[in-house]
N, C-alpha and C. Protein backbone atom coordinates (compact mmCIF):
# COMPACT_ATOMS: atom_id res chain seq x y z
N MET A 1 19.57 -39.46 -30.70
CA MET A 1 19.44 -38.03 -30.56
C MET A 1 20.68 -37.37 -30.36
N SER A 2 20.89 -36.29 -31.12
CA SER A 2 22.19 -35.57 -30.92
C SER A 2 22.21 -34.55 -29.77
N SER A 3 23.31 -34.12 -29.34
CA SER A 3 23.31 -33.19 -28.16
C SER A 3 22.63 -31.83 -28.54
N THR A 4 22.75 -31.37 -29.80
CA THR A 4 22.12 -30.14 -30.19
C THR A 4 20.63 -30.16 -30.11
N ALA A 5 20.08 -31.37 -30.39
CA ALA A 5 18.59 -31.60 -30.32
C ALA A 5 18.11 -31.43 -28.88
N LYS A 6 18.88 -32.00 -28.02
CA LYS A 6 18.56 -32.02 -26.58
C LYS A 6 18.65 -30.59 -25.95
N THR A 7 19.52 -29.79 -26.44
CA THR A 7 19.68 -28.38 -25.93
C THR A 7 18.60 -27.52 -26.47
N LEU A 8 18.06 -27.87 -27.76
CA LEU A 8 17.05 -26.88 -28.37
C LEU A 8 15.72 -27.21 -27.65
N LYS A 9 15.40 -28.43 -27.38
CA LYS A 9 14.08 -28.74 -26.81
C LYS A 9 13.68 -27.87 -25.54
N PRO A 10 14.55 -27.68 -24.54
CA PRO A 10 14.18 -26.77 -23.44
C PRO A 10 13.92 -25.35 -23.88
N HIS A 11 14.72 -24.88 -24.85
CA HIS A 11 14.62 -23.56 -25.31
C HIS A 11 13.21 -23.45 -25.98
N ARG A 12 12.92 -24.38 -26.79
CA ARG A 12 11.61 -24.27 -27.56
C ARG A 12 10.43 -24.39 -26.51
N ARG A 13 10.60 -25.29 -25.51
CA ARG A 13 9.59 -25.31 -24.43
C ARG A 13 9.40 -23.95 -23.81
N SER A 14 10.46 -23.40 -23.36
CA SER A 14 10.31 -22.04 -22.70
C SER A 14 9.80 -20.98 -23.60
N ALA A 15 10.10 -20.99 -24.86
CA ALA A 15 9.62 -20.13 -25.83
C ALA A 15 8.18 -20.33 -26.04
N SER A 16 7.68 -21.56 -26.08
CA SER A 16 6.22 -21.90 -26.31
C SER A 16 5.48 -21.44 -25.01
N ARG A 17 6.13 -21.60 -23.82
CA ARG A 17 5.54 -21.17 -22.63
C ARG A 17 5.37 -19.71 -22.54
N ALA A 18 6.43 -19.00 -22.97
CA ALA A 18 6.43 -17.50 -23.00
C ALA A 18 5.27 -17.04 -23.98
N ALA A 19 5.18 -17.65 -25.13
CA ALA A 19 4.16 -17.26 -26.03
C ALA A 19 2.64 -17.58 -25.39
N ALA A 20 2.58 -18.67 -24.72
CA ALA A 20 1.31 -19.07 -24.21
C ALA A 20 0.91 -17.86 -23.06
N ARG A 21 1.96 -17.51 -22.32
CA ARG A 21 1.73 -16.53 -21.23
C ARG A 21 1.35 -15.19 -21.85
N LEU A 22 1.94 -14.88 -22.99
CA LEU A 22 1.67 -13.57 -23.71
C LEU A 22 0.24 -13.69 -24.24
N ARG A 23 -0.15 -14.81 -24.81
CA ARG A 23 -1.58 -14.99 -25.29
C ARG A 23 -2.52 -14.75 -24.15
N LYS A 24 -2.23 -15.40 -22.99
CA LYS A 24 -3.10 -15.30 -21.87
C LYS A 24 -3.24 -13.90 -21.30
N ILE A 25 -1.99 -13.11 -21.23
CA ILE A 25 -2.10 -11.77 -20.79
C ILE A 25 -2.86 -10.87 -21.68
N THR A 26 -2.74 -11.10 -22.98
CA THR A 26 -3.55 -10.25 -23.99
C THR A 26 -4.87 -10.55 -23.85
N ARG A 27 -5.28 -11.81 -23.74
CA ARG A 27 -6.74 -12.23 -23.57
C ARG A 27 -7.29 -11.53 -22.38
N GLU A 28 -6.57 -11.61 -21.25
CA GLU A 28 -7.05 -11.06 -20.00
C GLU A 28 -7.15 -9.48 -20.08
N GLN A 29 -6.21 -8.92 -20.81
CA GLN A 29 -6.23 -7.36 -21.04
C GLN A 29 -7.48 -7.01 -21.83
N LYS A 30 -7.83 -7.85 -22.82
CA LYS A 30 -9.04 -7.54 -23.64
C LYS A 30 -10.29 -7.67 -22.80
N ILE A 31 -10.30 -8.68 -21.93
CA ILE A 31 -11.54 -8.91 -21.10
C ILE A 31 -11.70 -7.74 -20.06
N VAL A 32 -10.57 -7.35 -19.49
CA VAL A 32 -10.71 -6.21 -18.54
C VAL A 32 -11.15 -4.90 -19.19
N ALA A 33 -10.52 -4.71 -20.53
CA ALA A 33 -10.84 -3.45 -21.22
C ALA A 33 -12.37 -3.53 -21.55
N LEU A 34 -12.94 -4.66 -21.93
CA LEU A 34 -14.26 -4.75 -22.33
C LEU A 34 -15.19 -4.53 -21.09
N LEU A 35 -14.76 -5.08 -20.02
CA LEU A 35 -15.60 -4.93 -18.74
C LEU A 35 -15.57 -3.44 -18.39
N ASN A 36 -14.40 -2.82 -18.49
CA ASN A 36 -14.34 -1.41 -18.06
C ASN A 36 -15.06 -0.47 -19.01
N ALA A 37 -15.36 -0.97 -20.29
CA ALA A 37 -16.15 -0.27 -21.36
C ALA A 37 -17.67 -0.48 -21.11
N GLY A 38 -17.97 -1.40 -20.13
CA GLY A 38 -19.31 -1.66 -19.79
C GLY A 38 -20.02 -2.79 -20.60
N VAL A 39 -19.19 -3.55 -21.28
CA VAL A 39 -19.69 -4.75 -22.10
C VAL A 39 -20.13 -5.82 -21.19
N SER A 40 -21.25 -6.49 -21.38
CA SER A 40 -21.77 -7.50 -20.58
C SER A 40 -21.02 -8.74 -20.65
N ILE A 41 -21.03 -9.65 -19.62
CA ILE A 41 -20.35 -10.91 -19.64
C ILE A 41 -20.76 -11.84 -20.90
N ALA A 42 -22.15 -11.82 -21.23
CA ALA A 42 -22.63 -12.53 -22.22
C ALA A 42 -22.03 -12.01 -23.65
N GLU A 43 -21.85 -10.82 -23.77
CA GLU A 43 -21.31 -10.27 -25.04
C GLU A 43 -19.74 -10.61 -25.02
N ILE A 44 -19.13 -10.47 -23.98
CA ILE A 44 -17.62 -10.87 -24.02
C ILE A 44 -17.52 -12.40 -24.33
N ALA A 45 -18.42 -13.15 -23.76
CA ALA A 45 -18.27 -14.64 -24.12
C ALA A 45 -18.49 -14.85 -25.63
N GLY A 46 -19.55 -14.19 -26.20
CA GLY A 46 -19.69 -14.33 -27.59
C GLY A 46 -18.54 -13.87 -28.40
N ARG A 47 -17.84 -12.79 -28.12
CA ARG A 47 -16.74 -12.27 -28.86
C ARG A 47 -15.56 -13.27 -28.69
N GLN A 48 -15.35 -13.81 -27.50
CA GLN A 48 -14.20 -14.64 -27.26
C GLN A 48 -14.49 -16.15 -27.71
N GLY A 49 -15.79 -16.51 -27.93
CA GLY A 49 -16.11 -17.74 -28.44
C GLY A 49 -16.10 -18.77 -27.37
N VAL A 50 -16.35 -18.43 -26.10
CA VAL A 50 -16.46 -19.31 -24.93
C VAL A 50 -17.84 -19.13 -24.29
N THR A 51 -18.07 -19.94 -23.29
CA THR A 51 -19.29 -19.92 -22.56
C THR A 51 -19.27 -18.79 -21.52
N GLU A 52 -20.40 -18.29 -21.09
CA GLU A 52 -20.53 -17.23 -20.07
C GLU A 52 -19.88 -17.73 -18.75
N ARG A 53 -20.04 -18.97 -18.41
CA ARG A 53 -19.40 -19.56 -17.28
C ARG A 53 -17.94 -19.52 -17.30
N ARG A 54 -17.34 -19.67 -18.50
CA ARG A 54 -15.92 -19.59 -18.58
C ARG A 54 -15.36 -18.18 -18.39
N ILE A 55 -16.16 -17.27 -18.99
CA ILE A 55 -15.78 -15.83 -18.78
C ILE A 55 -15.86 -15.42 -17.30
N ARG A 56 -16.80 -15.84 -16.69
CA ARG A 56 -16.98 -15.55 -15.30
C ARG A 56 -15.92 -16.09 -14.45
N GLN A 57 -15.47 -17.35 -14.81
CA GLN A 57 -14.24 -17.92 -14.06
C GLN A 57 -12.99 -17.12 -14.39
N ARG A 58 -12.82 -16.67 -15.62
CA ARG A 58 -11.64 -15.86 -15.92
C ARG A 58 -11.59 -14.53 -15.22
N VAL A 59 -12.83 -13.93 -15.11
CA VAL A 59 -12.96 -12.65 -14.46
C VAL A 59 -12.58 -12.83 -12.92
N GLN A 60 -13.19 -13.93 -12.38
CA GLN A 60 -12.84 -14.25 -11.00
C GLN A 60 -11.32 -14.48 -10.68
N ASP A 61 -10.68 -15.20 -11.71
CA ASP A 61 -9.23 -15.46 -11.56
C ASP A 61 -8.52 -14.08 -11.73
N ILE A 62 -8.90 -13.20 -12.64
CA ILE A 62 -8.18 -11.91 -12.76
C ILE A 62 -8.39 -11.11 -11.57
N LEU A 63 -9.58 -11.04 -10.95
CA LEU A 63 -9.78 -10.21 -9.86
C LEU A 63 -9.06 -10.76 -8.53
N ALA A 64 -8.99 -12.17 -8.47
CA ALA A 64 -8.28 -12.72 -7.27
C ALA A 64 -6.79 -12.37 -7.37
N ARG A 65 -6.22 -12.38 -8.56
CA ARG A 65 -4.85 -11.99 -8.62
C ARG A 65 -4.61 -10.55 -8.39
N ARG A 66 -5.54 -9.74 -8.71
CA ARG A 66 -5.33 -8.30 -8.53
C ARG A 66 -5.88 -7.80 -7.16
N ALA A 67 -6.51 -8.60 -6.46
CA ALA A 67 -7.02 -8.17 -5.11
C ALA A 67 -6.02 -7.81 -4.23
N PRO A 68 -6.23 -6.75 -3.37
CA PRO A 68 -5.12 -6.33 -2.46
C PRO A 68 -5.01 -7.46 -1.39
N ARG A 69 -3.80 -7.56 -0.83
CA ARG A 69 -3.48 -8.55 0.15
C ARG A 69 -4.03 -8.13 1.53
N ALA A 70 -4.12 -8.99 2.44
CA ALA A 70 -4.69 -8.71 3.77
C ALA A 70 -3.67 -7.64 4.36
N PRO A 71 -4.34 -6.75 5.28
CA PRO A 71 -3.44 -5.65 5.78
C PRO A 71 -2.19 -6.22 6.48
N ALA A 72 -2.36 -7.16 7.31
CA ALA A 72 -1.25 -7.70 8.02
C ALA A 72 -0.10 -8.17 7.11
N GLU A 73 -0.52 -8.87 6.06
CA GLU A 73 0.48 -9.40 5.10
C GLU A 73 1.18 -8.20 4.37
N PHE A 74 0.36 -7.23 4.06
CA PHE A 74 0.97 -6.04 3.36
C PHE A 74 1.88 -5.30 4.29
N ALA A 75 1.62 -5.16 5.53
CA ALA A 75 2.43 -4.43 6.47
C ALA A 75 3.81 -5.31 6.68
N ALA A 76 3.68 -6.66 6.71
CA ALA A 76 4.79 -7.41 6.83
C ALA A 76 5.74 -7.32 5.55
N LEU A 77 5.11 -7.23 4.38
CA LEU A 77 5.89 -7.05 3.19
C LEU A 77 6.62 -5.74 3.25
N GLN A 78 5.90 -4.64 3.64
CA GLN A 78 6.47 -3.35 3.71
C GLN A 78 7.69 -3.23 4.75
N VAL A 79 7.44 -3.80 5.85
CA VAL A 79 8.51 -3.86 6.88
C VAL A 79 9.77 -4.58 6.37
N ASN A 80 9.47 -5.65 5.59
CA ASN A 80 10.73 -6.34 5.03
C ASN A 80 11.47 -5.46 4.01
N ARG A 81 10.60 -4.76 3.20
CA ARG A 81 11.30 -3.89 2.18
C ARG A 81 12.03 -2.70 2.93
N LEU A 82 11.45 -2.17 3.92
CA LEU A 82 12.13 -0.98 4.75
C LEU A 82 13.39 -1.62 5.45
N ASN A 83 13.37 -2.73 5.92
CA ASN A 83 14.53 -3.33 6.53
C ASN A 83 15.64 -3.43 5.51
N GLU A 84 15.33 -3.88 4.36
CA GLU A 84 16.43 -4.10 3.25
C GLU A 84 16.92 -2.69 2.90
N ALA A 85 15.96 -1.68 2.78
CA ALA A 85 16.37 -0.38 2.38
C ALA A 85 17.27 0.24 3.63
N LEU A 86 16.94 -0.09 4.77
CA LEU A 86 17.71 0.51 5.96
C LEU A 86 19.18 -0.12 5.90
N LEU A 87 19.33 -1.40 5.53
CA LEU A 87 20.59 -1.87 5.45
C LEU A 87 21.45 -1.25 4.33
N VAL A 88 20.83 -0.93 3.12
CA VAL A 88 21.53 -0.26 2.13
C VAL A 88 21.87 1.23 2.50
N ALA A 89 21.01 1.84 3.22
CA ALA A 89 21.21 3.20 3.73
C ALA A 89 22.31 3.17 4.75
N TYR A 90 22.34 2.22 5.70
CA TYR A 90 23.38 2.14 6.60
C TYR A 90 24.80 2.02 5.99
N SER A 91 24.77 1.09 4.99
CA SER A 91 26.16 0.90 4.32
C SER A 91 26.54 2.18 3.58
N ALA A 92 25.65 2.92 3.03
CA ALA A 92 25.98 4.16 2.43
C ALA A 92 26.39 5.24 3.37
N MET A 93 25.80 5.24 4.53
CA MET A 93 26.20 6.14 5.71
C MET A 93 27.59 5.83 6.15
N GLY A 94 28.00 4.65 6.04
CA GLY A 94 29.45 4.28 6.61
C GLY A 94 30.52 4.94 5.80
N GLY A 95 30.33 5.32 4.64
CA GLY A 95 31.35 5.95 3.75
C GLY A 95 31.38 7.37 3.94
N GLN A 96 31.02 7.95 5.07
CA GLN A 96 30.95 9.42 5.27
C GLN A 96 29.98 10.11 4.39
N ASN A 97 28.95 9.45 3.86
CA ASN A 97 27.85 10.01 3.01
C ASN A 97 26.83 10.67 3.96
N LEU A 98 26.91 11.84 4.09
CA LEU A 98 25.92 12.63 5.00
C LEU A 98 24.44 12.60 4.39
N GLU A 99 24.41 12.45 3.23
CA GLU A 99 22.99 12.43 2.59
C GLU A 99 22.34 11.21 2.94
N ALA A 100 22.98 10.09 3.24
CA ALA A 100 22.51 8.78 3.64
C ALA A 100 21.87 8.94 5.09
N VAL A 101 22.29 9.87 5.84
CA VAL A 101 21.72 10.03 7.19
C VAL A 101 20.29 10.39 7.12
N ASP A 102 19.97 11.24 6.18
CA ASP A 102 18.55 11.59 5.94
C ASP A 102 17.68 10.37 5.52
N ARG A 103 18.26 9.64 4.64
CA ARG A 103 17.46 8.45 4.22
C ARG A 103 17.29 7.55 5.43
N VAL A 104 18.33 7.27 6.26
CA VAL A 104 18.21 6.39 7.39
C VAL A 104 17.08 6.86 8.35
N VAL A 105 17.01 8.20 8.52
CA VAL A 105 16.08 8.82 9.48
C VAL A 105 14.58 8.55 8.84
N ARG A 106 14.56 8.75 7.51
CA ARG A 106 13.16 8.64 6.90
C ARG A 106 12.70 7.18 6.91
N ILE A 107 13.61 6.32 6.75
CA ILE A 107 13.26 4.85 6.80
C ILE A 107 12.88 4.34 8.24
N VAL A 108 13.66 4.88 9.12
CA VAL A 108 13.37 4.50 10.59
C VAL A 108 12.02 5.14 10.91
N ARG A 109 11.66 6.35 10.58
CA ARG A 109 10.40 6.89 10.81
C ARG A 109 9.22 5.97 10.22
N GLU A 110 9.50 5.56 9.07
CA GLU A 110 8.46 4.69 8.41
C GLU A 110 8.33 3.39 9.20
N LEU A 111 9.48 2.85 9.60
CA LEU A 111 9.40 1.50 10.30
C LEU A 111 8.67 1.75 11.59
N ASP A 112 8.93 2.95 12.29
CA ASP A 112 8.19 3.21 13.55
C ASP A 112 6.70 3.26 13.21
N ARG A 113 6.35 3.89 12.14
CA ARG A 113 4.86 3.99 11.83
C ARG A 113 4.26 2.59 11.63
N TYR A 114 4.98 1.70 11.02
CA TYR A 114 4.38 0.30 10.76
C TYR A 114 4.40 -0.40 12.11
N HIS A 115 5.31 -0.20 12.99
CA HIS A 115 5.23 -0.83 14.33
C HIS A 115 4.39 -0.11 15.34
N GLY A 116 3.76 1.00 14.93
CA GLY A 116 2.91 1.71 15.86
C GLY A 116 3.66 2.49 16.87
N LEU A 117 4.87 2.85 16.58
CA LEU A 117 5.68 3.68 17.53
C LEU A 117 5.73 5.12 17.16
N ALA A 118 5.13 5.47 16.08
CA ALA A 118 5.23 6.78 15.52
C ALA A 118 4.45 7.84 16.34
N SER A 119 5.13 8.93 16.76
CA SER A 119 4.41 9.95 17.40
C SER A 119 3.42 10.61 16.49
N PRO A 120 2.18 10.95 17.01
CA PRO A 120 1.21 11.56 16.18
C PRO A 120 1.70 12.88 15.57
N ASP A 121 2.62 13.59 16.35
CA ASP A 121 3.02 14.95 15.78
C ASP A 121 4.04 14.67 14.67
N PHE A 122 4.71 13.55 14.56
CA PHE A 122 5.66 13.36 13.52
C PHE A 122 5.31 12.30 12.45
N ALA A 123 3.90 11.84 12.43
CA ALA A 123 3.52 10.85 11.71
C ALA A 123 3.61 11.19 10.20
N ASP A 124 3.26 12.43 9.84
CA ASP A 124 3.39 12.84 8.46
C ASP A 124 4.20 14.05 8.49
N PRO A 125 5.36 14.11 7.93
CA PRO A 125 6.30 15.30 8.05
C PRO A 125 5.69 16.53 7.21
N SER A 126 4.89 16.27 6.19
CA SER A 126 4.40 17.32 5.46
C SER A 126 3.17 17.97 6.00
N ALA A 127 2.67 17.33 7.10
CA ALA A 127 1.38 17.84 7.69
C ALA A 127 1.71 19.05 8.57
N PRO A 128 0.84 19.98 8.62
CA PRO A 128 1.12 21.13 9.52
C PRO A 128 1.12 20.68 10.99
N PRO A 129 1.86 21.51 11.83
CA PRO A 129 1.82 21.01 13.24
C PRO A 129 0.51 21.19 13.85
N PRO A 130 0.13 20.26 14.75
CA PRO A 130 -1.22 20.40 15.41
C PRO A 130 -1.36 21.65 16.22
N ARG A 131 -2.51 22.24 16.21
CA ARG A 131 -2.80 23.53 16.84
C ARG A 131 -2.93 23.17 18.35
N ARG A 132 -2.26 23.89 19.15
CA ARG A 132 -2.25 23.76 20.55
C ARG A 132 -3.13 24.83 21.21
N LEU A 133 -3.98 24.36 22.19
CA LEU A 133 -4.79 25.43 22.90
C LEU A 133 -3.93 26.17 23.75
N MET A 134 -4.26 27.53 23.88
CA MET A 134 -3.59 28.36 24.74
C MET A 134 -4.10 28.12 26.20
N LYS A 135 -3.25 28.31 27.24
CA LYS A 135 -3.69 28.27 28.55
C LYS A 135 -4.64 29.51 28.74
N PRO A 136 -5.82 29.27 29.43
CA PRO A 136 -6.65 30.38 29.76
C PRO A 136 -5.96 31.40 30.59
N GLN A 137 -6.21 32.74 30.12
CA GLN A 137 -5.76 33.80 30.98
C GLN A 137 -6.49 33.95 32.16
N PRO A 138 -5.95 34.29 33.34
CA PRO A 138 -6.67 34.58 34.62
C PRO A 138 -7.55 35.72 34.31
N PRO A 139 -8.70 35.73 34.93
CA PRO A 139 -9.58 36.97 34.70
C PRO A 139 -9.01 38.23 35.45
N LEU A 140 -9.32 39.32 34.76
CA LEU A 140 -8.79 40.63 35.34
C LEU A 140 -9.39 40.92 36.63
N ALA A 141 -10.65 40.62 36.76
CA ALA A 141 -11.37 40.74 38.09
C ALA A 141 -12.26 39.61 38.40
N LEU A 142 -12.34 39.21 39.61
CA LEU A 142 -13.30 38.10 40.00
C LEU A 142 -14.74 38.62 39.95
N PRO A 143 -15.59 37.81 39.62
CA PRO A 143 -17.04 38.23 39.60
C PRO A 143 -17.55 38.40 41.04
N LYS A 144 -18.46 39.36 41.25
CA LYS A 144 -19.05 39.70 42.52
C LYS A 144 -19.80 38.58 43.01
N ARG A 145 -19.61 38.18 44.28
CA ARG A 145 -20.32 37.10 44.85
C ARG A 145 -21.69 37.76 45.44
N GLU A 146 -22.65 36.93 45.25
CA GLU A 146 -23.97 37.43 45.84
C GLU A 146 -23.92 37.16 47.27
N GLU A 147 -24.30 38.14 48.02
CA GLU A 147 -24.39 38.05 49.45
C GLU A 147 -25.68 37.38 49.83
N THR A 148 -25.51 36.49 50.72
CA THR A 148 -26.83 35.82 51.31
C THR A 148 -27.14 36.42 52.61
N PRO A 149 -28.32 36.69 52.89
CA PRO A 149 -28.73 37.33 54.18
C PRO A 149 -28.28 36.32 55.39
N GLU A 150 -28.02 36.95 56.48
CA GLU A 150 -27.55 36.23 57.63
C GLU A 150 -28.52 35.28 58.10
N SER A 151 -29.85 35.51 57.90
CA SER A 151 -30.84 34.56 58.35
C SER A 151 -30.86 33.23 57.56
N GLU A 152 -30.31 33.24 56.34
CA GLU A 152 -30.21 31.95 55.46
C GLU A 152 -28.92 31.28 55.74
N ARG A 153 -28.03 31.85 56.30
CA ARG A 153 -26.70 31.19 56.57
C ARG A 153 -26.86 30.07 57.58
N VAL A 154 -26.17 29.01 57.43
CA VAL A 154 -26.21 27.86 58.32
C VAL A 154 -25.09 27.96 59.40
């Protein structure tokens, strides 16, 4: 076997894998579109030429991949992303870039929110400030006390 034949095989394999992935993605998009249109599983199976059981398995696989992650896992992912963004913002701030200071402050605020350290007053910068109750004003005059007869006093 020549050296050119050896180098072409991996390329052909990766091309065939890419084509198979594209067919799978297209098939899944069709299934999701049909489900969104209200088509039954039985009808989709008939159109695809497979059993209902196979379509149900495919739908479960599609939904499992698209399902949101657990909240703790999502929070950890976001914290990692924010940490990376913070490193970039710090490096930009080092070159006397004052606009980067605002980015650093925003990122730190978000990190505080994920770590549960955010002040409720500053949790959402676009939210209006909370309404504070005013201290009650002292009365202008005290109410008249009822006099009790001397005989009832103890």
